[in-house]
C-alpha cells in the first residue's frame, strides 16, 4: 500500500511544499520510499526528511508518492516518458495485464490524456494514477473505484490525495471522492472531468434459480482467479459469515495459501468464549 498525491498552484507559485505536506500526512501508508515528480526532475529518497532536503526546485505542479516497498515493482513506481511523467499506485489483476501496462506506460506517446484513457479502459485492477504534462496534471481512477482518491481546491491550490486528511492539511476543506473510471485534467482554472469507463447493467434474461446460481458461481470463480493470479498468499478479512467464508473457499480453490484475519475488541472476544 502506498499514497498518491498531486498539487497544482493556481498562481504559478511552488507546489512542491504542498506535496510534501500531504505526503507527511499520509506517512502511515508508506515509510520505505518517497518520490516527487516535478517539471523535469524526479526525486527519490528513503525518508521524507531526505526528500525535503533534495527537492529544492520550484515547480507550479508536482506529484508525490510513498510506498512500503523499498524496491517497489513497476505498479507503484514512476515512469518517465518523452512528454509525460506518470506515477501509478495500486495493482493489476493479472501478469498479462502488468506486461501490457509496461508497454503502455513506457512506449512512445503523443498525448497523455489518450494514454491514460487507454489504461483505464483496458487494464483491470485497483489503482489510481497521476501524470504531469507541461503545466497541467492528468489524474485517473480505476473504473470500480476500489482504490481511494479524493480531490478539492481552494483559492491557491488544486490537489488530489489518497485520503481526505492530506487535502485538509493544505487548507482544502471541500474534499470530495474522485469519480471512478474518470480522468481529470487539472489546470490553473479548473478540474475538467471526463468519464472514460461507465459500468453498464447487464441485459435481464429469464432464468431459473439453479442456472442463476451456477452462473454466479462461475463469475465469482473468474473474479477471484484474476485477483490472486500474481500472489502465493492472501489475507482475508474474516467475519465467519457467508460472504467471507465463500471468498476464503474460492481463494483456496485457486491454489493460494489463505490467512483468515479476524479483529475484535477484547471484551467481545471474552463474550464469544463464554
Protein backbone atom coordinates (compact mmCIF):
# COMPACT_ATOMS: atom_id res chain seq x y z
CA UNK A 1 0.00 0.00 0.00
CA UNK A 2 1.16 3.50 -0.78
CA UNK A 3 -0.17 7.02 -1.12
CA UNK A 4 -0.56 9.19 -4.20
CA UNK A 5 -0.82 12.98 -4.00
CA UNK A 6 -0.61 15.75 -6.59
CA UNK A 7 -0.93 19.53 -6.44
CA UNK A 8 -1.07 22.45 -8.86
CA UNK A 9 -0.66 26.06 -7.73
CA UNK A 10 -3.22 28.27 -9.48
CA UNK A 11 -0.90 31.30 -9.45
CA UNK A 12 2.22 29.58 -10.72
CA UNK A 13 3.92 29.50 -7.31
CA UNK A 14 5.73 26.48 -5.89
CA UNK A 15 3.54 23.37 -5.38
CA UNK A 16 6.27 21.05 -4.04
CA UNK A 17 5.81 22.23 -0.44
CA UNK A 18 2.12 21.28 -0.63
CA UNK A 19 3.01 17.83 -1.97
CA UNK A 20 5.50 17.27 0.87
CA UNK A 21 2.91 18.35 3.45
CA UNK A 22 0.40 15.86 2.04
CA UNK A 23 2.97 13.05 1.97
CA UNK A 24 3.77 13.81 5.59
CA UNK A 25 0.07 13.47 6.49
CA UNK A 26 -0.03 10.06 4.76
CA UNK A 27 3.23 8.70 6.12
CA UNK A 28 1.42 5.70 7.61
CA UNK A 29 0.70 4.46 4.08
CA UNK A 30 4.37 4.14 3.16
CA UNK A 31 7.65 4.60 5.04
CA UNK A 32 10.31 2.91 2.88
CA UNK A 33 10.37 5.01 -0.27
CA UNK A 34 9.32 8.54 -1.16
CA UNK A 35 9.18 10.22 -4.58
CA UNK A 36 8.32 13.57 -6.09
CA UNK A 37 7.92 14.29 -9.80
CA UNK A 38 8.06 17.92 -10.83
CA UNK A 39 8.97 19.77 -14.02
CA UNK A 40 11.97 17.92 -15.47
CA UNK A 41 13.05 16.35 -12.18
CA UNK A 42 12.37 13.16 -10.25
CA UNK A 43 13.49 12.88 -6.62
CA UNK A 44 13.61 9.57 -4.75
CA UNK A 45 14.55 9.11 -1.10
CA UNK A 46 14.33 6.58 1.71
CA UNK A 47 12.74 9.06 4.10
CA UNK A 48 10.63 12.18 3.96
CA UNK A 49 13.45 14.18 5.58
CA UNK A 50 15.82 13.20 2.77
CA UNK A 51 13.16 14.09 0.23
CA UNK A 52 12.70 17.56 1.74
CA UNK A 53 16.43 18.18 1.53
CA UNK A 54 16.74 17.08 -2.12
CA UNK A 55 13.55 18.54 -3.62
CA UNK A 56 14.85 22.09 -3.85
CA UNK A 57 13.47 23.11 -7.26
CA UNK A 58 10.43 25.36 -7.69
CA UNK A 59 7.59 23.87 -9.74
CA UNK A 60 3.96 25.04 -10.08
CA UNK A 61 2.75 21.41 -10.23
CA UNK A 62 4.07 18.19 -8.74
CA UNK A 63 3.18 14.57 -7.96
CA UNK A 64 4.16 12.73 -4.79
CA UNK A 65 4.18 9.05 -3.88
CA UNK A 66 5.24 6.88 -0.97
CA UNK A 67 5.50 3.11 -0.60
CA UNK A 68 6.18 0.41 1.97
CA UNK A 69 8.38 -1.44 -0.51
CA UNK A 70 11.91 -0.02 -0.91
CA UNK A 71 12.28 -1.98 -4.14
CA UNK A 72 8.74 -1.42 -5.33
CA UNK A 73 7.83 -3.03 -8.67
CA UNK A 74 6.51 -1.29 -11.74
CA UNK A 75 2.96 -0.92 -10.43
CA UNK A 76 3.98 1.66 -7.85
CA UNK A 77 6.97 3.35 -9.44
CA UNK A 78 7.22 6.37 -11.70
CA UNK A 79 7.88 6.09 -15.41
CA UNK A 80 9.49 8.94 -17.32
CA UNK A 81 8.41 9.27 -20.92
CA UNK A 82 9.11 11.61 -23.79
CA UNK A 83 6.43 14.13 -22.82
CA UNK A 84 4.72 12.53 -19.85
CA UNK A 85 5.71 11.80 -16.25
CA UNK A 86 3.43 9.33 -14.52
CA UNK A 87 3.00 7.62 -11.13
CA UNK A 88 0.86 4.50 -10.77
CA UNK A 89 -0.33 3.41 -7.30
CA UNK A 90 -2.16 0.12 -6.92
CA UNK A 91 -2.20 -3.30 -8.52
CA UNK A 92 -3.35 -5.07 -11.66
CA UNK A 93 -5.25 -8.34 -11.67
CA UNK A 94 -3.01 -10.49 -13.85
CA UNK A 95 0.57 -10.81 -15.05
CA UNK A 96 -0.61 -10.32 -18.62
CA UNK A 97 -2.15 -7.00 -17.61
CA UNK A 98 1.09 -5.93 -15.92
CA UNK A 99 3.14 -6.72 -19.01
CA UNK A 100 0.76 -4.83 -21.26
CA UNK A 101 0.74 -1.89 -18.88
CA UNK A 102 4.52 -1.64 -19.03
CA UNK A 103 4.29 -1.29 -22.79
CA UNK A 104 1.53 1.31 -22.50
CA UNK A 105 3.35 3.39 -19.90
CA UNK A 106 6.88 3.26 -21.26
CA UNK A 107 6.26 3.30 -25.00
CA UNK A 108 6.05 6.41 -27.15
CA UNK A 109 3.05 8.63 -26.52
CA UNK A 110 1.58 11.56 -28.37
CA UNK A 111 -0.88 12.78 -25.77
CA UNK A 112 -1.10 11.92 -22.09
CA UNK A 113 -4.89 12.03 -21.82
CA UNK A 114 -5.36 9.42 -24.54
CA UNK A 115 -2.78 7.14 -22.99
CA UNK A 116 -4.38 7.23 -19.55
CA UNK A 117 -7.78 6.76 -21.16
CA UNK A 118 -6.47 3.57 -22.78
CA UNK A 119 -5.14 2.31 -19.44
CA UNK A 120 -8.49 2.79 -17.68
CA UNK A 121 -10.39 1.09 -20.47
CA UNK A 122 -8.13 -1.92 -20.95
CA UNK A 123 -6.42 -2.77 -17.67
CA UNK A 124 -8.31 -4.47 -14.86
CA UNK A 125 -7.16 -3.68 -11.35
CA UNK A 126 -7.46 -1.40 -8.36
CA UNK A 127 -5.36 1.69 -8.93
CA UNK A 128 -5.02 5.44 -9.24
CA UNK A 129 -2.54 7.28 -11.43
CA UNK A 130 -1.35 10.83 -11.97
CA UNK A 131 0.68 12.30 -14.81
CA UNK A 132 2.37 15.61 -15.38
CA UNK A 133 2.42 17.07 -18.85
CA UNK A 134 3.63 20.63 -19.13
CA UNK A 135 1.81 22.90 -16.67
CA UNK A 136 -1.13 20.51 -16.27
CA UNK A 137 -1.85 17.39 -14.22
CA UNK A 138 -3.84 14.41 -15.51
CA UNK A 139 -5.35 12.10 -12.87
CA UNK A 140 -7.32 8.87 -13.23
CA UNK A 141 -9.01 6.27 -11.00
CA UNK A 142 -9.88 2.63 -11.70
CA UNK A 143 -13.39 2.03 -13.09
CA UNK A 144 -14.64 0.23 -9.96
CA UNK A 145 -13.31 2.85 -7.56
CA UNK A 146 -11.57 0.23 -5.42
CA UNK A 147 -8.53 2.37 -4.66
CA UNK A 148 -9.49 5.57 -2.79
CA UNK A 149 -8.80 9.02 -4.21
CA UNK A 150 -10.10 12.47 -3.28
CA UNK A 151 -9.87 15.92 -4.85
CA UNK A 152 -10.51 19.52 -3.97
CA UNK A 153 -9.34 23.11 -4.34
CA UNK A 154 -9.12 26.48 -2.66
CA UNK A 155 -8.02 29.91 -3.87
CA UNK A 156 -4.38 28.82 -4.10
CA UNK A 157 -4.18 25.08 -4.82
CA UNK A 158 -5.92 22.31 -6.74
CA UNK A 159 -4.99 18.88 -5.44
CA UNK A 160 -5.74 15.15 -5.20
CA UNK A 161 -4.76 12.67 -2.48
CA UNK A 162 -5.33 9.10 -1.34
CA UNK A 163 -7.02 10.36 1.85
CA UNK A 164 -9.07 13.45 2.67
CA UNK A 165 -6.90 14.46 5.60
CA UNK A 166 -3.97 15.16 3.28
CA UNK A 167 -6.10 17.76 1.50
CA UNK A 168 -7.23 19.22 4.81
CA UNK A 169 -3.58 19.68 5.78
CA UNK A 170 -3.04 22.12 2.89
CA UNK A 171 -6.22 24.10 3.58
CA UNK A 172 -8.64 22.31 1.22
CA UNK A 173 -11.83 21.69 3.19
CA UNK A 174 -14.13 20.65 0.34
CA UNK A 175 -12.55 17.23 -0.28
CA UNK A 176 -14.71 15.00 -2.50
CA UNK A 177 -14.44 11.47 -3.81
CA UNK A 178 -12.83 11.26 -7.24
CA UNK A 179 -15.34 9.69 -9.68
CA UNK A 180 -14.40 6.06 -10.56
CA UNK A 181 -13.49 5.41 -14.19
CA UNK A 182 -12.84 9.10 -14.78
CA UNK A 183 -9.93 11.26 -15.82
CA UNK A 184 -9.43 14.83 -14.61
CA UNK A 185 -7.26 17.34 -16.43
CA UNK A 186 -6.22 19.89 -13.81
CA UNK A 187 -5.18 23.34 -14.94
CA UNK A 188 -4.87 26.72 -13.21
CA UNK A 189 -8.53 27.41 -13.91
CA UNK A 190 -10.43 24.13 -13.44
CA UNK A 191 -10.85 20.42 -12.87
CA UNK A 192 -12.03 19.13 -16.26
CA UNK A 193 -13.53 15.66 -15.68
CA UNK A 194 -14.05 13.13 -18.46
CA UNK A 195 -15.87 9.85 -17.83
CA UNK A 196 -13.99 7.15 -19.75
CA UNK A 197 -15.45 3.91 -18.39
CA UNK A 198 -19.09 3.54 -17.38
CA UNK A 199 -20.37 0.33 -15.78
CA UNK A 200 -23.40 -0.95 -17.68
CA UNK A 201 -26.17 -3.07 -16.28
CA UNK A 202 -26.37 -6.47 -17.95
CA UNK A 203 -29.42 -7.30 -20.01
CA UNK A 204 -32.04 -9.07 -17.92
CA UNK A 205 -32.67 -12.61 -19.07
CA UNK A 206 -35.27 -15.09 -17.78
CA UNK A 207 -33.66 -17.96 -15.85
CA UNK A 208 -34.30 -20.40 -13.05
CA UNK A 209 -32.68 -20.49 -9.63
CA UNK A 210 -30.28 -23.35 -10.41
CA UNK A 211 -28.96 -21.76 -13.60
CA UNK A 212 -28.61 -18.40 -11.89
CA UNK A 213 -26.64 -19.98 -9.03
CA UNK A 214 -24.29 -21.79 -11.42
CA UNK A 215 -23.69 -18.62 -13.42
CA UNK A 216 -22.97 -16.66 -10.25
CA UNK A 217 -20.51 -19.31 -9.13
CA UNK A 218 -18.61 -19.13 -12.43
CA UNK A 219 -18.43 -15.33 -12.25
CA UNK A 220 -17.14 -15.42 -8.66
CA UNK A 221 -14.52 -18.03 -9.55
CA UNK A 222 -13.26 -16.00 -12.51
CA UNK A 223 -13.18 -12.78 -10.49
CA UNK A 224 -11.26 -14.41 -7.63
CA UNK A 225 -8.78 -16.02 -10.00
CA UNK A 226 -7.95 -12.66 -11.56
CA UNK A 227 -7.26 -11.12 -8.18
CA UNK A 228 -4.95 -13.84 -6.87
CA UNK A 229 -3.15 -14.73 -10.10
CA UNK A 230 0.06 -12.88 -9.13
CA UNK A 231 0.34 -13.97 -5.49
CA UNK A 232 1.05 -17.08 -3.44
CA UNK A 233 -0.64 -15.97 -0.21
CA UNK A 234 -3.69 -13.82 0.53
CA UNK A 235 -5.20 -12.36 3.68
CA UNK A 236 -8.97 -12.24 4.02
CA UNK A 237 -10.89 -10.05 6.46
CA UNK A 238 -12.88 -12.89 8.02
CA UNK A 239 -16.11 -12.39 9.93
CA UNK A 240 -17.18 -16.02 9.85
CA UNK A 241 -20.24 -15.06 7.85
CA UNK A 242 -21.35 -16.23 4.43
CA UNK A 243 -19.51 -13.66 2.27
CA UNK A 244 -16.05 -14.00 3.80
CA UNK A 245 -16.38 -17.80 4.02
CA UNK A 246 -17.21 -18.06 0.31
CA UNK A 247 -14.28 -15.81 -0.62
CA UNK A 248 -11.94 -17.93 1.52
CA UNK A 249 -13.04 -21.12 -0.21
CA UNK A 250 -12.77 -19.58 -3.67
CA UNK A 251 -9.26 -18.29 -2.97
CA UNK A 252 -8.15 -21.67 -1.62
CA UNK A 253 -9.57 -23.38 -4.70
CA UNK A 254 -7.39 -21.08 -6.81
CA UNK A 255 -4.31 -22.68 -5.25
CA UNK A 256 -3.14 -19.86 -2.96
CA UNK A 257 -2.44 -20.02 0.76
CA UNK A 258 -5.21 -18.29 2.70
CA UNK A 259 -4.81 -16.45 6.02
CA UNK A 260 -8.06 -15.52 7.77
CA UNK A 261 -7.89 -12.28 9.76
CA UNK A 262 -10.49 -11.56 12.43
CA UNK A 263 -10.32 -8.39 14.55
CA UNK A 264 -12.39 -7.62 17.60
CA UNK A 265 -12.39 -5.79 20.92
CA UNK A 266 -11.10 -7.63 23.97
CA UNK A 267 -14.46 -7.66 25.70
CA UNK A 268 -16.19 -9.05 22.61
CA UNK A 269 -13.65 -11.90 22.46
CA UNK A 270 -14.37 -12.77 26.11
CA UNK A 271 -18.09 -12.79 25.44
CA UNK A 272 -17.56 -15.06 22.46
CA UNK A 273 -15.59 -17.54 24.54
CA UNK A 274 -18.35 -17.67 27.15
